[in-house]
Structures are given as C-alpha cells and as structure tokens.
C-alpha cells in the first residue's frame, strides 16, 4: 500500500514502492511554503492523508510519466489551510483523483497540465463545508486528444460556504480534446455559495461542456422517499449519502464520508 501522511506542512510518513519517488522540501524562510514532490513511473495507487492542525500552507507537485495510470485517493481533515496541487501529465498518462475533505476552512488551487497527447484526468471531489471553502481550478490542455472530467460535489452546513472557480483552457490547434465540468452544491444554509465555470476554447475541434447547480434537493426527490414511509430527516440523509458517495470507489474514502454523514445527520 502506497501511503503519504502530512500533518500540518510536515511529511510524517512516505511508505511507497520504488515506482513512486518522493521528495520533500522544507522552506526555512518566513514566507516559505513546504513542498512535496511526487513522480510516478509505473501504474500505481497512492493514498494521501492530510491533517491540518494549524493554519497550514503546503504545495504538492505530482508528475505522472508516459503510459502510466495513477489512482490518487486524498482525505483532508482538521482546521485551516492553503494548499496548492500541481499535476503534470505526460503522453498517454491517466490520473484518477478521488478526494474528500471535512475541515473548518480551506483555500485550494488545483493546476493540471495535460502536456502529452492522450493524457487524461478524471477528478472526483466531495466536501462537507462548515465554513468558507474556496477552490480555484486551472486545467490546461497543452496537447492534442487530451481529456479532463472535473466533478465537484459539496454540501454546506452550519456556517458553510463553497466557492468553485473552474477554468479550462484549450489553445488554438490543440484538436480532439474533451473538456467537461460538473459542479454542484447542496446548500443547507443561508450563505451564498458560488460556482464560476469558465471555458477558454480557441479550437473548433473540441467537445466541451459545463454544468453548475446550487440549491437544495428537489421536492420531487424528497416526496418520493417520504411517500415510501421515510421521514424527512432520514430522506435528507439518504440523498446526501448518494450525493457524496457517487463515483467514489475507494473504500477508505467511502468509510470517511459515511462516518461524517453519521456525525452530522444522526
């Protein structure tokens, strides 16, 4: 089992095979940001666990070499943080990201560069928001026939507020690309969440789409469950469970999601 554990901005554990190379850079200056560099050379599964105790700043640089598939599972929990993820995908590489977090507050930047032909990233992210969470995505299709599928599902509770800004870029003459964005927020508060989907497409030979929805579950969904003898609270819990566990096939992440659903919706 390949596993990395980071507490605040300290790399506490890096138990990985020879197919995954880890370098950790500790920045000593007052404005320095610690960095974890990961290079994947063969098909691998990798679990990253992040625990934020203080207001943490941290960078991840993840490179996936030619003809390599990476299944990346990320769980983040704790207090406050600012984290940047940079993905570098080479020719014919595939990255599947399955990610869940339940934290007090976070600001993230996610940069993915599809630098080789036929590179692909499938990104499935789930969060339960208690306070403000901001996510800024930049997806660059720098080579032909590249694919990006970005799916974000968030639930706002208590003082929760989510901002998704997702920007996908396809330059001129980068043909045959597929660009998908799917962002949805279930808002159980009076706070104003935001979704800002952006498609910057300078090439005609591209399939591109985006969807964005902020709201609650529909009356029809709730009525259907209640008409079958399920009370309101349990109907809401069932819908939230389906919303947060869809497209997640990692057992540890599913367990963490279900644990938090039981915590908030008993």
Protein backbone atom coordinates (compact mmCIF):
# COMPACT_ATOMS: atom_id res chain seq x y z
CA UNK A 1 0.00 0.00 0.00
CA UNK A 2 1.46 3.34 -1.08
CA UNK A 3 0.66 5.96 1.54
CA UNK A 4 1.70 9.51 2.39
CA UNK A 5 0.69 11.28 5.58
CA UNK A 6 1.14 15.01 6.10
CA UNK A 7 0.42 16.73 9.42
CA UNK A 8 0.20 20.50 9.02
CA UNK A 9 3.01 21.04 6.49
CA UNK A 10 5.28 18.23 7.75
CA UNK A 11 5.71 15.00 5.80
CA UNK A 12 5.36 12.43 8.60
CA UNK A 13 5.07 9.25 6.52
CA UNK A 14 6.07 8.22 3.00
CA UNK A 15 5.60 4.48 2.63
CA UNK A 16 5.78 3.94 -1.13
CA UNK A 17 7.15 1.48 -3.67
CA UNK A 18 10.09 2.07 -5.98
CA UNK A 19 7.61 3.18 -8.67
CA UNK A 20 6.82 6.36 -6.75
CA UNK A 21 9.58 8.86 -5.99
CA UNK A 22 9.02 11.31 -3.12
CA UNK A 23 11.00 14.44 -2.38
CA UNK A 24 10.18 16.80 0.47
CA UNK A 25 11.43 20.38 0.50
CA UNK A 26 11.26 22.33 3.72
CA UNK A 27 11.35 26.09 3.22
CA UNK A 28 13.03 27.79 6.11
CA UNK A 29 12.33 31.44 5.29
CA UNK A 30 9.42 33.21 6.97
CA UNK A 31 7.33 33.20 3.79
CA UNK A 32 8.44 29.75 2.65
CA UNK A 33 5.96 27.03 1.77
CA UNK A 34 6.87 23.39 2.26
CA UNK A 35 6.59 21.24 -0.84
CA UNK A 36 6.02 17.55 -1.55
CA UNK A 37 7.19 16.43 -4.98
CA UNK A 38 5.84 13.12 -6.32
CA UNK A 39 6.94 11.38 -9.52
CA UNK A 40 5.05 8.24 -10.62
CA UNK A 41 6.92 5.99 -13.06
CA UNK A 42 4.60 2.94 -13.28
CA UNK A 43 0.91 2.20 -12.75
CA UNK A 44 0.20 2.87 -9.06
CA UNK A 45 -2.38 3.53 -6.36
CA UNK A 46 -1.48 6.23 -3.85
CA UNK A 47 -3.26 7.36 -0.67
CA UNK A 48 -2.59 10.84 0.73
CA UNK A 49 -3.84 11.72 4.21
CA UNK A 50 -3.62 15.36 5.31
CA UNK A 51 -4.31 16.57 8.85
CA UNK A 52 -4.44 20.32 9.38
CA UNK A 53 -3.95 21.39 12.99
CA UNK A 54 -2.88 24.98 12.41
CA UNK A 55 -3.21 27.42 9.52
CA UNK A 56 -1.17 25.35 7.08
CA UNK A 57 0.42 26.25 3.73
CA UNK A 58 1.59 23.40 1.54
CA UNK A 59 2.38 22.61 -2.11
CA UNK A 60 2.09 19.26 -3.90
CA UNK A 61 3.76 18.70 -7.28
CA UNK A 62 2.62 15.44 -8.89
CA UNK A 63 4.17 14.22 -12.15
CA UNK A 64 2.90 11.15 -14.00
CA UNK A 65 5.18 9.80 -16.71
CA UNK A 66 4.32 8.41 -20.14
CA UNK A 67 1.88 5.46 -20.33
CA UNK A 68 1.30 5.47 -16.56
CA UNK A 69 -2.03 5.31 -14.69
CA UNK A 70 -2.28 6.81 -11.20
CA UNK A 71 -5.24 6.27 -8.88
CA UNK A 72 -4.89 9.01 -6.28
CA UNK A 73 -7.02 8.99 -3.11
CA UNK A 74 -6.88 12.09 -0.89
CA UNK A 75 -8.50 12.65 2.51
CA UNK A 76 -8.09 16.04 4.21
CA UNK A 77 -9.40 16.88 7.67
CA UNK A 78 -8.74 19.28 10.51
CA UNK A 79 -8.63 23.05 10.76
CA UNK A 80 -7.47 25.72 8.32
CA UNK A 81 -5.17 25.53 5.34
CA UNK A 82 -3.97 26.79 1.99
CA UNK A 83 -2.89 24.02 -0.36
CA UNK A 84 -1.75 24.03 -3.96
CA UNK A 85 -1.76 20.94 -6.16
CA UNK A 86 0.09 20.85 -9.48
CA UNK A 87 -0.42 17.89 -11.81
CA UNK A 88 1.87 17.25 -14.77
CA UNK A 89 0.58 14.53 -17.13
CA UNK A 90 2.76 13.13 -19.88
CA UNK A 91 1.76 11.28 -23.06
CA UNK A 92 -0.89 8.55 -22.59
CA UNK A 93 -0.95 9.07 -18.82
CA UNK A 94 -4.17 8.81 -16.81
CA UNK A 95 -4.85 10.27 -13.38
CA UNK A 96 -7.97 9.34 -11.40
CA UNK A 97 -8.41 11.56 -8.35
CA UNK A 98 -10.88 10.59 -5.59
CA UNK A 99 -10.91 13.20 -2.87
CA UNK A 100 -12.90 14.02 0.27
CA UNK A 101 -12.40 16.61 2.94
CA UNK A 102 -14.11 17.78 6.08
CA UNK A 103 -12.29 20.75 7.54
CA UNK A 104 -13.02 24.11 9.13
CA UNK A 105 -11.80 26.30 6.29
CA UNK A 106 -9.56 25.92 3.26
CA UNK A 107 -8.34 27.66 0.14
CA UNK A 108 -7.03 25.44 -2.65
CA UNK A 109 -5.55 25.96 -6.08
CA UNK A 110 -5.51 22.99 -8.44
CA UNK A 111 -3.42 23.24 -11.61
CA UNK A 112 -3.43 20.39 -14.10
CA UNK A 113 -1.28 20.47 -17.24
CA UNK A 114 -2.06 17.79 -19.80
CA UNK A 115 1.29 18.01 -21.54
CA UNK A 116 1.28 14.82 -23.61
CA UNK A 117 -1.11 13.55 -26.27
CA UNK A 118 -3.93 11.34 -24.96
CA UNK A 119 -3.32 12.41 -21.36
CA UNK A 120 -6.44 12.28 -19.19
CA UNK A 121 -7.51 13.47 -15.73
CA UNK A 122 -10.74 12.39 -14.01
CA UNK A 123 -11.24 14.40 -10.83
CA UNK A 124 -13.97 13.49 -8.33
CA UNK A 125 -14.15 15.74 -5.28
CA UNK A 126 -16.55 15.75 -2.32
CA UNK A 127 -16.69 18.07 0.67
CA UNK A 128 -18.83 18.89 3.70
CA UNK A 129 -18.39 22.61 4.33
CA UNK A 130 -18.66 24.07 7.84
CA UNK A 131 -17.05 27.42 6.99
CA UNK A 132 -15.66 29.09 3.89
CA UNK A 133 -14.01 26.87 1.31
CA UNK A 134 -12.53 28.22 -1.94
CA UNK A 135 -11.34 26.08 -4.86
CA UNK A 136 -9.63 27.54 -7.92
CA UNK A 137 -9.02 25.12 -10.81
CA UNK A 138 -6.86 25.73 -13.88
CA UNK A 139 -6.93 22.87 -16.40
CA UNK A 140 -4.57 23.29 -19.36
CA UNK A 141 -4.96 21.10 -22.45
CA UNK A 142 -1.48 21.59 -23.84
CA UNK A 143 -1.52 18.59 -26.19
CA UNK A 144 -3.96 17.04 -28.67
CA UNK A 145 -6.59 14.43 -27.79
CA UNK A 146 -6.44 15.17 -24.07
CA UNK A 147 -9.40 14.69 -21.72
CA UNK A 148 -10.45 16.38 -18.48
CA UNK A 149 -13.51 15.49 -16.41
CA UNK A 150 -13.85 17.69 -13.32
CA UNK A 151 -16.67 16.83 -10.92
CA UNK A 152 -17.18 18.72 -7.65
CA UNK A 153 -19.95 17.91 -5.14
CA UNK A 154 -20.25 19.90 -1.92
CA UNK A 155 -22.73 20.15 0.95
CA UNK A 156 -22.91 23.35 3.02
CA UNK A 157 -23.97 23.08 6.66
CA UNK A 158 -23.72 25.36 9.73
CA UNK A 159 -21.61 28.34 8.56
CA UNK A 160 -20.55 26.58 5.37
CA UNK A 161 -19.87 28.41 2.12
CA UNK A 162 -18.25 26.99 -1.02
CA UNK A 163 -16.75 28.81 -4.00
CA UNK A 164 -15.78 26.80 -7.09
CA UNK A 165 -13.96 28.58 -9.89
CA UNK A 166 -13.12 26.11 -12.66
CA UNK A 167 -11.26 27.30 -15.75
CA UNK A 168 -10.39 25.02 -18.67
CA UNK A 169 -8.05 26.13 -21.45
CA UNK A 170 -7.64 24.72 -24.97
CA UNK A 171 -5.31 26.75 -27.23
CA UNK A 172 -5.56 27.09 -30.98
CA UNK A 173 -4.67 23.95 -33.00
CA UNK A 174 -4.90 21.65 -29.94
CA UNK A 175 -7.51 19.41 -31.56
CA UNK A 176 -9.52 16.41 -30.42
CA UNK A 177 -9.83 17.42 -26.77
CA UNK A 178 -12.73 16.61 -24.43
CA UNK A 179 -13.43 19.11 -21.67
CA UNK A 180 -16.12 18.51 -19.03
CA UNK A 181 -17.02 20.38 -15.85
CA UNK A 182 -19.76 19.30 -13.45
CA UNK A 183 -20.18 21.36 -10.27
CA UNK A 184 -22.99 21.02 -7.76
CA UNK A 185 -23.52 22.47 -4.28
CA UNK A 186 -26.30 21.43 -1.90
CA UNK A 187 -26.76 24.49 0.27
CA UNK A 188 -28.43 23.81 3.63
CA UNK A 189 -27.56 27.30 4.95
CA UNK A 190 -28.48 30.90 4.18
CA UNK A 191 -24.97 31.66 2.98
CA UNK A 192 -24.30 32.47 -0.66
CA UNK A 193 -22.09 29.93 -2.38
CA UNK A 194 -20.75 30.47 -5.90
CA UNK A 195 -19.83 28.44 -8.98
CA UNK A 196 -17.84 30.11 -11.76
CA UNK A 197 -17.33 27.74 -14.72
CA UNK A 198 -15.05 29.08 -17.46
CA UNK A 199 -14.25 27.51 -20.82
CA UNK A 200 -11.49 29.21 -22.78
CA UNK A 201 -11.59 27.33 -26.09
CA UNK A 202 -9.65 28.64 -29.10
CA UNK A 203 -10.04 25.49 -31.21
CA UNK A 204 -13.14 24.32 -33.09
CA UNK A 205 -12.37 20.59 -32.92
CA UNK A 206 -13.19 20.21 -29.21
CA UNK A 207 -16.04 18.71 -27.16
CA UNK A 208 -16.67 20.99 -24.21
CA UNK A 209 -19.46 21.25 -21.64
CA UNK A 210 -20.13 22.55 -18.15
CA UNK A 211 -22.95 22.35 -15.64
CA UNK A 212 -23.42 24.27 -12.41
CA UNK A 213 -26.14 23.93 -9.79
CA UNK A 214 -26.57 25.47 -6.35
CA UNK A 215 -29.63 24.64 -4.31
CA UNK A 216 -31.37 22.00 -2.27
CA UNK A 217 -32.68 18.59 -3.23
CA UNK A 218 -35.85 18.81 -5.29
CA UNK A 219 -39.30 18.50 -3.76
CA UNK A 220 -39.92 15.51 -6.04
CA UNK A 221 -36.91 13.64 -4.60
CA UNK A 222 -37.98 14.32 -1.03
CA UNK A 223 -41.63 13.48 -1.76
CA UNK A 224 -40.69 10.18 -3.40
CA UNK A 225 -38.78 9.00 -0.33
CA UNK A 226 -41.33 10.29 2.19
CA UNK A 227 -44.17 8.64 0.26
CA UNK A 228 -42.44 5.33 0.98
CA UNK A 229 -42.51 5.84 4.73
CA UNK A 230 -39.14 7.53 5.20
CA UNK A 231 -39.28 10.61 7.45
CA UNK A 232 -37.82 13.94 6.34
CA UNK A 233 -34.53 13.67 8.25
CA UNK A 234 -33.75 10.18 7.01
CA UNK A 235 -34.79 11.10 3.46
CA UNK A 236 -32.34 14.02 3.54
CA UNK A 237 -29.64 11.76 4.93
CA UNK A 238 -30.17 9.20 2.15
CA UNK A 239 -29.96 11.86 -0.56
CA UNK A 240 -26.82 13.37 0.94
CA UNK A 241 -25.23 9.93 1.16
CA UNK A 242 -25.90 9.26 -2.51
CA UNK A 243 -24.71 12.72 -3.49
CA UNK A 244 -21.39 12.41 -1.66
CA UNK A 245 -20.58 8.77 -2.36
CA UNK A 246 -21.38 8.70 -6.09
CA UNK A 247 -18.36 7.98 -8.33
CA UNK A 248 -16.17 7.13 -5.31
CA UNK A 249 -14.78 3.60 -5.37
CA UNK A 250 -12.07 3.85 -2.70
CA UNK A 251 -13.11 2.04 0.50
CA UNK A 252 -11.21 4.37 2.85
CA UNK A 253 -12.80 7.48 1.35
CA UNK A 254 -16.25 5.90 1.42
CA UNK A 255 -15.73 5.00 5.08
CA UNK A 256 -14.66 8.57 5.89
CA UNK A 257 -17.63 10.04 4.05
CA UNK A 258 -20.10 7.73 5.79
CA UNK A 259 -18.51 8.46 9.18
CA UNK A 260 -19.08 12.17 8.69
CA UNK A 261 -22.60 11.68 7.41
CA UNK A 262 -23.38 9.78 10.62
CA UNK A 263 -21.74 12.58 12.60
CA UNK A 264 -23.81 15.40 11.09
CA UNK A 265 -27.05 13.60 10.22
CA UNK A 266 -27.75 11.17 13.04
